[in-house]
N, C-alpha and C. Protein backbone atom coordinates (compact mmCIF):
# COMPACT_ATOMS: atom_id res chain seq x y z
N MET A 1 7.88 -20.50 -63.88
CA MET A 1 7.48 -21.79 -64.40
C MET A 1 6.15 -21.62 -65.12
N ASP A 2 6.11 -21.98 -66.37
CA ASP A 2 4.90 -21.85 -67.17
C ASP A 2 4.08 -23.14 -67.05
N LEU A 3 3.08 -23.10 -66.19
CA LEU A 3 2.28 -24.30 -65.93
C LEU A 3 1.48 -24.75 -67.14
N SER A 4 1.24 -23.84 -68.09
CA SER A 4 0.46 -24.22 -69.27
C SER A 4 1.20 -25.24 -70.13
N LEU A 5 2.50 -25.38 -69.93
CA LEU A 5 3.29 -26.34 -70.70
C LEU A 5 3.23 -27.75 -70.12
N ILE A 6 2.62 -27.90 -68.95
CA ILE A 6 2.55 -29.21 -68.29
C ILE A 6 1.15 -29.79 -68.51
N PRO A 7 1.02 -30.77 -69.41
CA PRO A 7 -0.32 -31.33 -69.63
C PRO A 7 -0.79 -32.11 -68.41
N PRO A 8 -2.09 -32.06 -68.11
CA PRO A 8 -2.58 -32.82 -66.96
C PRO A 8 -2.42 -34.33 -67.16
N GLU A 9 -2.58 -34.78 -68.39
CA GLU A 9 -2.48 -36.21 -68.70
C GLU A 9 -1.41 -36.43 -69.77
N PRO A 10 -0.19 -36.81 -69.39
CA PRO A 10 0.87 -36.98 -70.39
C PRO A 10 0.62 -38.15 -71.33
N LYS A 11 -0.05 -39.19 -70.84
CA LYS A 11 -0.42 -40.38 -71.62
C LYS A 11 -1.73 -40.90 -71.05
N PRO A 12 -2.49 -41.66 -71.83
CA PRO A 12 -3.72 -42.24 -71.27
C PRO A 12 -3.42 -43.06 -70.01
N GLY A 13 -4.21 -42.83 -68.98
CA GLY A 13 -4.05 -43.56 -67.73
C GLY A 13 -3.04 -42.95 -66.77
N LEU A 14 -2.37 -41.87 -67.18
CA LEU A 14 -1.39 -41.20 -66.31
C LEU A 14 -1.79 -39.75 -66.09
N VAL A 15 -1.27 -39.17 -65.02
CA VAL A 15 -1.40 -37.74 -64.76
C VAL A 15 -0.03 -37.19 -64.42
N ASN A 16 0.17 -35.92 -64.65
CA ASN A 16 1.36 -35.24 -64.15
C ASN A 16 1.01 -34.64 -62.80
N VAL A 17 1.85 -34.87 -61.82
CA VAL A 17 1.67 -34.25 -60.50
C VAL A 17 2.85 -33.32 -60.28
N LEU A 18 2.56 -32.05 -60.07
CA LEU A 18 3.59 -31.06 -59.76
C LEU A 18 3.73 -31.02 -58.24
N ILE A 19 4.86 -31.46 -57.75
CA ILE A 19 5.06 -31.57 -56.30
C ILE A 19 5.28 -30.18 -55.69
N GLU A 20 4.52 -29.91 -54.65
CA GLU A 20 4.70 -28.69 -53.86
C GLU A 20 5.39 -29.02 -52.54
N ILE A 21 5.03 -30.17 -51.95
CA ILE A 21 5.51 -30.51 -50.60
C ILE A 21 6.12 -31.91 -50.62
N PRO A 22 7.41 -32.02 -50.31
CA PRO A 22 8.01 -33.35 -50.27
C PRO A 22 7.59 -34.12 -49.02
N ALA A 23 7.65 -35.43 -49.11
CA ALA A 23 7.37 -36.28 -47.95
C ALA A 23 8.27 -35.89 -46.79
N GLY A 24 7.71 -35.90 -45.58
CA GLY A 24 8.48 -35.59 -44.38
C GLY A 24 8.50 -34.13 -44.01
N SER A 25 7.87 -33.27 -44.82
CA SER A 25 7.91 -31.83 -44.54
C SER A 25 6.74 -31.40 -43.68
N LYS A 26 6.99 -30.42 -42.80
CA LYS A 26 5.94 -29.74 -42.06
C LYS A 26 5.61 -28.40 -42.72
N ASN A 27 6.45 -28.01 -43.69
CA ASN A 27 6.22 -26.76 -44.41
C ASN A 27 5.20 -26.98 -45.51
N LYS A 28 4.18 -26.11 -45.56
CA LYS A 28 3.14 -26.18 -46.59
C LYS A 28 3.52 -25.19 -47.68
N TYR A 29 4.17 -25.70 -48.72
CA TYR A 29 4.53 -24.86 -49.86
C TYR A 29 3.36 -24.82 -50.84
N GLU A 30 3.22 -23.70 -51.52
CA GLU A 30 2.24 -23.58 -52.59
C GLU A 30 2.88 -22.81 -53.73
N PHE A 31 2.47 -23.15 -54.95
CA PHE A 31 2.96 -22.41 -56.11
C PHE A 31 2.23 -21.08 -56.15
N ASP A 32 2.97 -19.99 -56.13
CA ASP A 32 2.42 -18.64 -56.17
C ASP A 32 2.42 -18.17 -57.62
N LYS A 33 1.23 -18.04 -58.21
CA LYS A 33 1.13 -17.67 -59.63
C LYS A 33 1.71 -16.29 -59.90
N ASP A 34 1.53 -15.37 -58.96
CA ASP A 34 2.05 -14.01 -59.16
C ASP A 34 3.57 -13.98 -59.14
N LEU A 35 4.16 -14.71 -58.20
CA LEU A 35 5.62 -14.75 -58.10
C LEU A 35 6.25 -15.72 -59.09
N GLN A 36 5.43 -16.65 -59.60
CA GLN A 36 5.94 -17.73 -60.46
C GLN A 36 7.02 -18.52 -59.72
N ALA A 37 6.75 -18.79 -58.45
CA ALA A 37 7.71 -19.50 -57.61
C ALA A 37 6.95 -20.22 -56.49
N PHE A 38 7.64 -21.13 -55.83
CA PHE A 38 7.06 -21.81 -54.68
C PHE A 38 7.35 -20.99 -53.44
N ALA A 39 6.31 -20.81 -52.61
CA ALA A 39 6.44 -20.01 -51.40
C ALA A 39 5.86 -20.80 -50.22
N VAL A 40 6.36 -20.51 -49.03
CA VAL A 40 5.81 -21.14 -47.83
C VAL A 40 4.47 -20.49 -47.52
N ASP A 41 3.42 -21.29 -47.57
CA ASP A 41 2.08 -20.81 -47.24
C ASP A 41 1.91 -20.77 -45.73
N ARG A 42 2.39 -21.83 -45.06
CA ARG A 42 2.36 -21.90 -43.60
C ARG A 42 3.16 -23.13 -43.18
N VAL A 43 3.41 -23.22 -41.89
CA VAL A 43 4.01 -24.41 -41.30
C VAL A 43 2.90 -25.13 -40.56
N LEU A 44 2.81 -26.44 -40.72
CA LEU A 44 1.76 -27.19 -40.04
C LEU A 44 1.84 -26.96 -38.54
N TYR A 45 0.70 -26.72 -37.92
CA TYR A 45 0.64 -26.41 -36.49
C TYR A 45 0.91 -27.63 -35.63
N SER A 46 0.51 -28.80 -36.09
CA SER A 46 0.64 -30.00 -35.26
C SER A 46 1.94 -30.73 -35.53
N SER A 47 2.13 -31.81 -34.81
CA SER A 47 3.39 -32.55 -34.88
C SER A 47 3.39 -33.57 -36.01
N VAL A 48 2.55 -33.37 -37.01
CA VAL A 48 2.49 -34.28 -38.15
C VAL A 48 3.32 -33.72 -39.31
N GLN A 49 3.61 -34.59 -40.26
CA GLN A 49 4.32 -34.18 -41.47
C GLN A 49 3.69 -34.91 -42.65
N TYR A 50 3.88 -34.37 -43.83
CA TYR A 50 3.30 -34.99 -45.02
C TYR A 50 3.88 -36.39 -45.20
N PRO A 51 3.01 -37.41 -45.31
CA PRO A 51 3.51 -38.79 -45.38
C PRO A 51 4.13 -39.14 -46.73
N TYR A 52 3.72 -38.47 -47.79
CA TYR A 52 4.24 -38.72 -49.14
C TYR A 52 4.29 -37.40 -49.89
N ASP A 53 4.95 -37.40 -51.03
CA ASP A 53 5.02 -36.19 -51.85
C ASP A 53 3.61 -35.75 -52.23
N TYR A 54 3.37 -34.44 -52.14
CA TYR A 54 2.03 -33.89 -52.31
C TYR A 54 2.09 -32.68 -53.22
N GLY A 55 1.13 -32.57 -54.10
CA GLY A 55 1.09 -31.42 -55.00
C GLY A 55 -0.25 -31.35 -55.71
N PHE A 56 -0.19 -31.00 -56.99
CA PHE A 56 -1.43 -30.85 -57.74
C PHE A 56 -1.23 -31.27 -59.19
N ILE A 57 -2.35 -31.52 -59.85
CA ILE A 57 -2.33 -31.88 -61.27
C ILE A 57 -2.55 -30.59 -62.05
N PRO A 58 -1.50 -30.11 -62.75
CA PRO A 58 -1.61 -28.83 -63.45
C PRO A 58 -2.73 -28.84 -64.50
N ASN A 59 -3.27 -27.66 -64.73
CA ASN A 59 -4.28 -27.45 -65.76
C ASN A 59 -5.54 -28.27 -65.53
N THR A 60 -5.89 -28.42 -64.24
CA THR A 60 -7.17 -28.99 -63.84
C THR A 60 -7.84 -27.99 -62.91
N LEU A 61 -9.13 -28.14 -62.73
CA LEU A 61 -9.87 -27.27 -61.82
C LEU A 61 -10.89 -28.12 -61.06
N ALA A 62 -10.68 -28.25 -59.76
CA ALA A 62 -11.57 -29.04 -58.90
C ALA A 62 -12.74 -28.18 -58.44
N ASP A 63 -13.69 -28.81 -57.77
CA ASP A 63 -14.87 -28.09 -57.28
C ASP A 63 -14.53 -27.02 -56.26
N ASP A 64 -13.38 -27.15 -55.57
CA ASP A 64 -13.01 -26.15 -54.56
C ASP A 64 -12.33 -24.92 -55.17
N GLY A 65 -12.20 -24.88 -56.50
CA GLY A 65 -11.61 -23.73 -57.17
C GLY A 65 -10.11 -23.82 -57.37
N ASP A 66 -9.49 -24.87 -56.87
CA ASP A 66 -8.05 -25.10 -57.03
C ASP A 66 -7.83 -26.27 -57.98
N PRO A 67 -6.59 -26.45 -58.46
CA PRO A 67 -6.30 -27.66 -59.23
C PRO A 67 -6.52 -28.90 -58.36
N LEU A 68 -6.73 -30.03 -59.02
CA LEU A 68 -6.87 -31.30 -58.29
C LEU A 68 -5.61 -31.58 -57.49
N ASP A 69 -5.79 -32.01 -56.25
CA ASP A 69 -4.66 -32.37 -55.39
C ASP A 69 -4.20 -33.78 -55.72
N GLY A 70 -2.90 -34.00 -55.62
CA GLY A 70 -2.35 -35.33 -55.85
C GLY A 70 -1.30 -35.69 -54.81
N MET A 71 -1.31 -36.92 -54.38
CA MET A 71 -0.29 -37.45 -53.47
C MET A 71 0.33 -38.65 -54.16
N VAL A 72 1.68 -38.69 -54.19
CA VAL A 72 2.38 -39.75 -54.90
C VAL A 72 3.14 -40.61 -53.89
N LEU A 73 2.82 -41.90 -53.88
CA LEU A 73 3.53 -42.85 -53.01
C LEU A 73 4.91 -43.09 -53.60
N MET A 74 5.93 -42.66 -52.88
CA MET A 74 7.31 -42.84 -53.35
C MET A 74 8.16 -43.26 -52.16
N ASP A 75 9.28 -43.91 -52.46
CA ASP A 75 10.17 -44.36 -51.39
C ASP A 75 11.11 -43.26 -50.92
N GLN A 76 11.36 -42.27 -51.75
CA GLN A 76 12.23 -41.14 -51.39
C GLN A 76 11.52 -39.84 -51.73
N PRO A 77 11.65 -38.80 -50.91
CA PRO A 77 11.02 -37.53 -51.24
C PRO A 77 11.70 -36.87 -52.44
N THR A 78 10.94 -36.07 -53.17
CA THR A 78 11.50 -35.29 -54.26
C THR A 78 11.70 -33.86 -53.78
N PHE A 79 11.19 -32.87 -54.51
CA PHE A 79 11.39 -31.47 -54.15
C PHE A 79 10.28 -30.63 -54.76
N PRO A 80 10.02 -29.43 -54.20
CA PRO A 80 9.02 -28.56 -54.79
C PRO A 80 9.40 -28.21 -56.23
N GLY A 81 8.45 -28.39 -57.14
CA GLY A 81 8.68 -28.09 -58.55
C GLY A 81 8.93 -29.32 -59.39
N CYS A 82 9.12 -30.46 -58.76
CA CYS A 82 9.35 -31.71 -59.50
C CYS A 82 8.04 -32.16 -60.14
N VAL A 83 8.08 -32.53 -61.41
CA VAL A 83 6.91 -33.07 -62.10
C VAL A 83 7.06 -34.59 -62.18
N ILE A 84 6.05 -35.30 -61.70
CA ILE A 84 6.08 -36.76 -61.69
C ILE A 84 4.95 -37.29 -62.57
N ALA A 85 5.31 -38.06 -63.59
CA ALA A 85 4.30 -38.79 -64.35
C ALA A 85 3.84 -39.93 -63.45
N ALA A 86 2.55 -39.95 -63.14
CA ALA A 86 2.05 -40.88 -62.12
C ALA A 86 0.77 -41.57 -62.58
N ARG A 87 0.56 -42.76 -62.04
CA ARG A 87 -0.64 -43.53 -62.32
C ARG A 87 -1.60 -43.39 -61.15
N PRO A 88 -2.78 -42.79 -61.37
CA PRO A 88 -3.77 -42.72 -60.29
C PRO A 88 -4.26 -44.11 -59.92
N ILE A 89 -4.38 -44.35 -58.62
CA ILE A 89 -4.86 -45.66 -58.16
C ILE A 89 -6.11 -45.54 -57.28
N GLY A 90 -6.47 -44.33 -56.91
CA GLY A 90 -7.63 -44.13 -56.07
C GLY A 90 -7.73 -42.69 -55.63
N MET A 91 -8.69 -42.43 -54.76
CA MET A 91 -8.95 -41.06 -54.35
C MET A 91 -9.54 -41.04 -52.95
N LEU A 92 -9.03 -40.13 -52.13
CA LEU A 92 -9.60 -39.89 -50.80
C LEU A 92 -10.56 -38.72 -50.93
N GLU A 93 -11.83 -38.95 -50.62
CA GLU A 93 -12.82 -37.88 -50.65
C GLU A 93 -12.96 -37.33 -49.24
N MET A 94 -12.99 -36.00 -49.14
CA MET A 94 -13.11 -35.38 -47.83
C MET A 94 -13.80 -34.03 -47.95
N ILE A 95 -14.13 -33.46 -46.82
CA ILE A 95 -14.65 -32.10 -46.72
C ILE A 95 -13.59 -31.31 -45.97
N ASP A 96 -13.16 -30.20 -46.56
CA ASP A 96 -12.13 -29.35 -45.95
C ASP A 96 -12.64 -27.91 -45.97
N GLY A 97 -12.86 -27.35 -44.80
CA GLY A 97 -13.36 -25.98 -44.72
C GLY A 97 -14.74 -25.83 -45.33
N GLY A 98 -15.54 -26.88 -45.27
CA GLY A 98 -16.89 -26.84 -45.81
C GLY A 98 -16.98 -27.19 -47.29
N ASP A 99 -15.85 -27.32 -47.97
CA ASP A 99 -15.83 -27.64 -49.40
C ASP A 99 -15.41 -29.09 -49.63
N ARG A 100 -16.01 -29.68 -50.64
CA ARG A 100 -15.61 -31.02 -51.05
C ARG A 100 -14.18 -30.94 -51.59
N ASP A 101 -13.36 -31.92 -51.25
CA ASP A 101 -11.95 -31.91 -51.63
C ASP A 101 -11.51 -33.34 -51.92
N GLU A 102 -10.97 -33.56 -53.11
CA GLU A 102 -10.49 -34.88 -53.49
C GLU A 102 -8.97 -34.89 -53.48
N LYS A 103 -8.40 -35.94 -52.94
CA LYS A 103 -6.95 -36.16 -52.95
C LYS A 103 -6.71 -37.38 -53.84
N ILE A 104 -6.12 -37.17 -55.00
CA ILE A 104 -5.86 -38.26 -55.93
C ILE A 104 -4.59 -38.98 -55.48
N LEU A 105 -4.70 -40.26 -55.19
CA LEU A 105 -3.56 -41.06 -54.76
C LEU A 105 -2.95 -41.73 -55.99
N CYS A 106 -1.64 -41.57 -56.14
CA CYS A 106 -0.93 -42.05 -57.33
C CYS A 106 0.33 -42.80 -56.95
N VAL A 107 0.85 -43.52 -57.94
CA VAL A 107 2.18 -44.13 -57.83
C VAL A 107 3.00 -43.65 -59.02
N PRO A 108 4.32 -43.55 -58.88
CA PRO A 108 5.14 -43.08 -59.99
C PRO A 108 5.14 -44.08 -61.15
N ALA A 109 4.91 -43.57 -62.35
CA ALA A 109 4.84 -44.44 -63.53
C ALA A 109 6.19 -45.05 -63.88
N LYS A 110 7.27 -44.38 -63.49
CA LYS A 110 8.61 -44.83 -63.88
C LYS A 110 9.37 -45.51 -62.75
N ASP A 111 8.66 -46.06 -61.77
CA ASP A 111 9.31 -46.77 -60.67
C ASP A 111 8.86 -48.23 -60.71
N PRO A 112 9.78 -49.16 -61.01
CA PRO A 112 9.39 -50.57 -61.12
C PRO A 112 8.83 -51.15 -59.83
N ARG A 113 9.12 -50.54 -58.68
CA ARG A 113 8.59 -51.03 -57.41
C ARG A 113 7.06 -50.90 -57.35
N TYR A 114 6.51 -50.03 -58.18
CA TYR A 114 5.07 -49.79 -58.19
C TYR A 114 4.41 -50.25 -59.48
N SER A 115 5.12 -51.01 -60.31
CA SER A 115 4.58 -51.39 -61.61
C SER A 115 3.34 -52.28 -61.50
N GLU A 116 3.20 -53.01 -60.42
CA GLU A 116 2.04 -53.89 -60.24
C GLU A 116 0.91 -53.22 -59.46
N VAL A 117 1.12 -52.01 -59.01
CA VAL A 117 0.09 -51.29 -58.24
C VAL A 117 -0.84 -50.58 -59.22
N LYS A 118 -2.07 -51.05 -59.30
CA LYS A 118 -3.04 -50.51 -60.26
C LYS A 118 -4.28 -49.90 -59.59
N SER A 119 -4.53 -50.28 -58.32
CA SER A 119 -5.72 -49.78 -57.63
C SER A 119 -5.47 -49.79 -56.12
N LEU A 120 -6.44 -49.29 -55.38
CA LEU A 120 -6.32 -49.27 -53.92
C LEU A 120 -6.20 -50.67 -53.33
N LYS A 121 -6.72 -51.66 -54.03
CA LYS A 121 -6.64 -53.05 -53.54
C LYS A 121 -5.19 -53.52 -53.44
N ASP A 122 -4.30 -52.86 -54.17
CA ASP A 122 -2.89 -53.24 -54.17
C ASP A 122 -2.08 -52.54 -53.07
N ILE A 123 -2.74 -51.74 -52.26
CA ILE A 123 -2.10 -51.00 -51.17
C ILE A 123 -2.58 -51.57 -49.83
N ALA A 124 -1.67 -51.73 -48.90
CA ALA A 124 -2.05 -52.24 -47.58
C ALA A 124 -3.09 -51.32 -46.94
N PRO A 125 -4.16 -51.88 -46.38
CA PRO A 125 -5.18 -51.06 -45.74
C PRO A 125 -4.62 -50.13 -44.66
N HIS A 126 -3.60 -50.58 -43.93
CA HIS A 126 -3.02 -49.74 -42.89
C HIS A 126 -2.39 -48.47 -43.50
N ARG A 127 -1.75 -48.60 -44.64
CA ARG A 127 -1.14 -47.44 -45.30
C ARG A 127 -2.22 -46.43 -45.70
N LEU A 128 -3.34 -46.93 -46.21
CA LEU A 128 -4.44 -46.03 -46.58
C LEU A 128 -5.00 -45.34 -45.34
N GLU A 129 -5.08 -46.06 -44.23
CA GLU A 129 -5.59 -45.45 -43.00
C GLU A 129 -4.64 -44.39 -42.47
N GLU A 130 -3.33 -44.61 -42.62
CA GLU A 130 -2.35 -43.59 -42.21
C GLU A 130 -2.55 -42.30 -43.00
N ILE A 131 -2.77 -42.43 -44.30
CA ILE A 131 -2.98 -41.25 -45.14
C ILE A 131 -4.27 -40.54 -44.73
N ALA A 132 -5.34 -41.30 -44.55
CA ALA A 132 -6.61 -40.71 -44.12
C ALA A 132 -6.47 -40.03 -42.76
N GLU A 133 -5.73 -40.65 -41.85
CA GLU A 133 -5.53 -40.07 -40.52
C GLU A 133 -4.77 -38.75 -40.60
N PHE A 134 -3.79 -38.67 -41.48
CA PHE A 134 -3.07 -37.41 -41.66
C PHE A 134 -4.04 -36.30 -42.04
N PHE A 135 -4.86 -36.53 -43.06
CA PHE A 135 -5.79 -35.49 -43.51
C PHE A 135 -6.92 -35.26 -42.51
N ARG A 136 -7.24 -36.24 -41.70
CA ARG A 136 -8.27 -36.08 -40.67
C ARG A 136 -7.80 -35.15 -39.56
N THR A 137 -6.49 -35.16 -39.26
CA THR A 137 -5.99 -34.46 -38.06
C THR A 137 -5.03 -33.30 -38.33
N TYR A 138 -4.54 -33.12 -39.55
CA TYR A 138 -3.45 -32.17 -39.76
C TYR A 138 -3.82 -30.71 -39.52
N LYS A 139 -5.09 -30.39 -39.43
CA LYS A 139 -5.51 -29.01 -39.17
C LYS A 139 -6.14 -28.83 -37.79
N ASN A 140 -6.09 -29.85 -36.94
CA ASN A 140 -6.75 -29.77 -35.63
C ASN A 140 -6.29 -28.58 -34.81
N LEU A 141 -4.99 -28.33 -34.71
CA LEU A 141 -4.50 -27.23 -33.88
C LEU A 141 -4.76 -25.86 -34.50
N GLU A 142 -5.16 -25.83 -35.76
CA GLU A 142 -5.57 -24.57 -36.40
C GLU A 142 -7.05 -24.29 -36.13
N LYS A 143 -7.69 -25.23 -35.43
CA LYS A 143 -9.13 -25.13 -35.13
C LYS A 143 -9.95 -25.17 -36.42
N LYS A 144 -9.44 -25.91 -37.42
CA LYS A 144 -10.17 -26.12 -38.67
C LYS A 144 -10.61 -27.57 -38.72
N VAL A 145 -11.76 -27.79 -39.33
CA VAL A 145 -12.36 -29.12 -39.35
C VAL A 145 -12.23 -29.74 -40.74
N THR A 146 -11.77 -30.98 -40.76
CA THR A 146 -11.80 -31.78 -41.98
C THR A 146 -12.60 -33.04 -41.67
N GLU A 147 -13.30 -33.52 -42.68
CA GLU A 147 -14.10 -34.73 -42.51
C GLU A 147 -13.74 -35.69 -43.64
N ILE A 148 -13.37 -36.91 -43.28
CA ILE A 148 -13.03 -37.93 -44.27
C ILE A 148 -14.31 -38.64 -44.69
N LEU A 149 -14.59 -38.65 -45.99
CA LEU A 149 -15.77 -39.33 -46.51
C LEU A 149 -15.45 -40.76 -46.92
N GLY A 150 -14.21 -41.01 -47.32
CA GLY A 150 -13.83 -42.38 -47.67
C GLY A 150 -12.99 -42.44 -48.94
N TRP A 151 -12.56 -43.64 -49.24
CA TRP A 151 -11.73 -43.91 -50.42
C TRP A 151 -12.61 -44.34 -51.59
N GLN A 152 -12.23 -43.90 -52.77
CA GLN A 152 -12.85 -44.34 -54.02
C GLN A 152 -11.77 -44.97 -54.88
N ASP A 153 -12.13 -46.04 -55.59
CA ASP A 153 -11.13 -46.73 -56.40
C ASP A 153 -10.90 -46.00 -57.73
N VAL A 154 -9.98 -46.52 -58.48
CA VAL A 154 -9.43 -45.86 -59.66
C VAL A 154 -10.49 -45.54 -60.73
N ASP A 155 -11.53 -46.33 -60.85
CA ASP A 155 -12.52 -46.09 -61.89
C ASP A 155 -13.18 -44.72 -61.74
N LYS A 156 -13.39 -44.26 -60.53
CA LYS A 156 -14.00 -42.94 -60.31
C LYS A 156 -12.99 -41.81 -60.54
N VAL A 157 -11.71 -42.09 -60.36
CA VAL A 157 -10.67 -41.07 -60.51
C VAL A 157 -10.61 -40.54 -61.93
N GLN A 158 -10.66 -41.43 -62.91
CA GLN A 158 -10.55 -41.00 -64.31
C GLN A 158 -11.64 -39.99 -64.66
N ALA A 159 -12.86 -40.23 -64.19
CA ALA A 159 -13.97 -39.30 -64.46
C ALA A 159 -13.72 -37.95 -63.79
N ILE A 160 -13.18 -37.96 -62.57
CA ILE A 160 -12.89 -36.71 -61.86
C ILE A 160 -11.80 -35.93 -62.59
N VAL A 161 -10.75 -36.62 -63.03
CA VAL A 161 -9.65 -35.94 -63.74
C VAL A 161 -10.16 -35.33 -65.04
N GLN A 162 -10.92 -36.09 -65.81
CA GLN A 162 -11.43 -35.56 -67.08
C GLN A 162 -12.37 -34.38 -66.85
N ALA A 163 -13.25 -34.47 -65.85
CA ALA A 163 -14.16 -33.36 -65.56
C ALA A 163 -13.39 -32.12 -65.13
N SER A 164 -12.32 -32.29 -64.36
CA SER A 164 -11.54 -31.13 -63.91
C SER A 164 -10.73 -30.52 -65.05
N CYS A 165 -10.34 -31.34 -66.03
CA CYS A 165 -9.67 -30.80 -67.22
C CYS A 165 -10.63 -29.95 -68.04
N ILE A 166 -11.86 -30.45 -68.19
CA ILE A 166 -12.87 -29.71 -68.94
C ILE A 166 -13.19 -28.40 -68.24
N LYS A 167 -13.36 -28.44 -66.91
CA LYS A 167 -13.65 -27.22 -66.14
C LYS A 167 -12.57 -26.16 -66.31
N SER A 168 -11.32 -26.61 -66.38
CA SER A 168 -10.22 -25.66 -66.48
C SER A 168 -10.04 -25.13 -67.90
N GLY A 169 -10.73 -25.76 -68.87
CA GLY A 169 -10.57 -25.36 -70.26
C GLY A 169 -9.34 -25.96 -70.91
N ASN A 170 -8.74 -26.95 -70.28
CA ASN A 170 -7.50 -27.55 -70.79
C ASN A 170 -7.66 -29.01 -71.16
N PHE A 171 -8.85 -29.42 -71.51
CA PHE A 171 -9.06 -30.83 -71.83
C PHE A 171 -8.32 -31.19 -73.11
N ARG A 172 -7.31 -32.05 -72.95
CA ARG A 172 -6.50 -32.54 -74.05
C ARG A 172 -5.97 -31.42 -74.94
N GLN A 173 -5.74 -30.28 -74.36
CA GLN A 173 -5.25 -29.14 -75.11
C GLN A 173 -3.73 -29.17 -75.14
N GLU A 174 -3.18 -29.09 -76.32
CA GLU A 174 -1.73 -29.07 -76.47
C GLU A 174 -1.24 -27.64 -76.34
N PRO A 175 -0.06 -27.43 -75.73
CA PRO A 175 0.48 -26.08 -75.67
C PRO A 175 0.80 -25.57 -77.07
N GLU A 176 0.70 -24.27 -77.23
CA GLU A 176 1.03 -23.66 -78.52
C GLU A 176 2.48 -23.97 -78.87
N ILE A 177 2.71 -24.35 -80.12
CA ILE A 177 4.07 -24.67 -80.54
C ILE A 177 4.70 -23.40 -81.11
N THR A 178 5.54 -22.80 -80.31
CA THR A 178 6.28 -21.61 -80.73
C THR A 178 7.57 -22.06 -81.40
N PRO A 179 8.26 -21.15 -82.12
CA PRO A 179 9.54 -21.55 -82.71
C PRO A 179 10.52 -22.09 -81.67
N GLN A 180 10.52 -21.53 -80.45
CA GLN A 180 11.42 -22.00 -79.41
C GLN A 180 11.07 -23.44 -79.00
N ARG A 181 9.76 -23.71 -78.82
CA ARG A 181 9.35 -25.07 -78.44
C ARG A 181 9.64 -26.05 -79.57
N ARG A 182 9.41 -25.62 -80.84
CA ARG A 182 9.66 -26.51 -81.96
C ARG A 182 11.14 -26.90 -81.97
N CYS A 183 12.01 -25.93 -81.70
CA CYS A 183 13.44 -26.20 -81.67
C CYS A 183 13.77 -27.20 -80.56
N LYS A 184 13.21 -27.01 -79.38
CA LYS A 184 13.46 -27.93 -78.27
C LYS A 184 12.94 -29.32 -78.60
N MET A 185 11.77 -29.39 -79.25
CA MET A 185 11.19 -30.68 -79.59
C MET A 185 12.08 -31.40 -80.60
N GLN A 186 12.65 -30.67 -81.56
CA GLN A 186 13.51 -31.30 -82.56
C GLN A 186 14.79 -31.81 -81.93
N VAL A 187 15.32 -31.08 -80.97
CA VAL A 187 16.54 -31.50 -80.29
C VAL A 187 16.29 -32.78 -79.51
N GLN A 188 15.11 -32.89 -78.88
CA GLN A 188 14.80 -34.07 -78.07
C GLN A 188 14.50 -35.30 -78.91
N ASP A 189 14.04 -35.11 -80.14
CA ASP A 189 13.69 -36.27 -80.99
C ASP A 189 14.84 -37.09 -81.39
């Protein structure tokens, strides 16, 4: 899978989230750049499971050295490798292993059930607390510490996404148009 072909921002106000872990999974999948495939990084030690689809925003670089993390609120799980055009609505700030770590919370752009969800204010507080509780406790049995700093609303998310695009060198960068891509683009038009 050539991640350079997946723009971080497909349209203004949206991000692409490449799903690594579907909702309900205890398996922690990660995209292995060397293998160009999804591999099991580990199985969660505790009795928790990912509450929603979880992955990353391709072609971004967060302060922890990885792409920005993204969680997408969906009614049904997808699969590792699925790309979801999503609308960021907020961000959970935390410390994980001593490093600052942001989890961008999104809703699917193409799901009418979420068309009115624009910010954290549109999500039930209990649902946000469930997500925070997952990240607060999911590494406890590994003897690793995470600290939840709190939720930030959508206005701060856009600045974080743009800064991480610039850090990665992929700010609004279009993939090179090769003859093969040009052919595919013409077929799709």
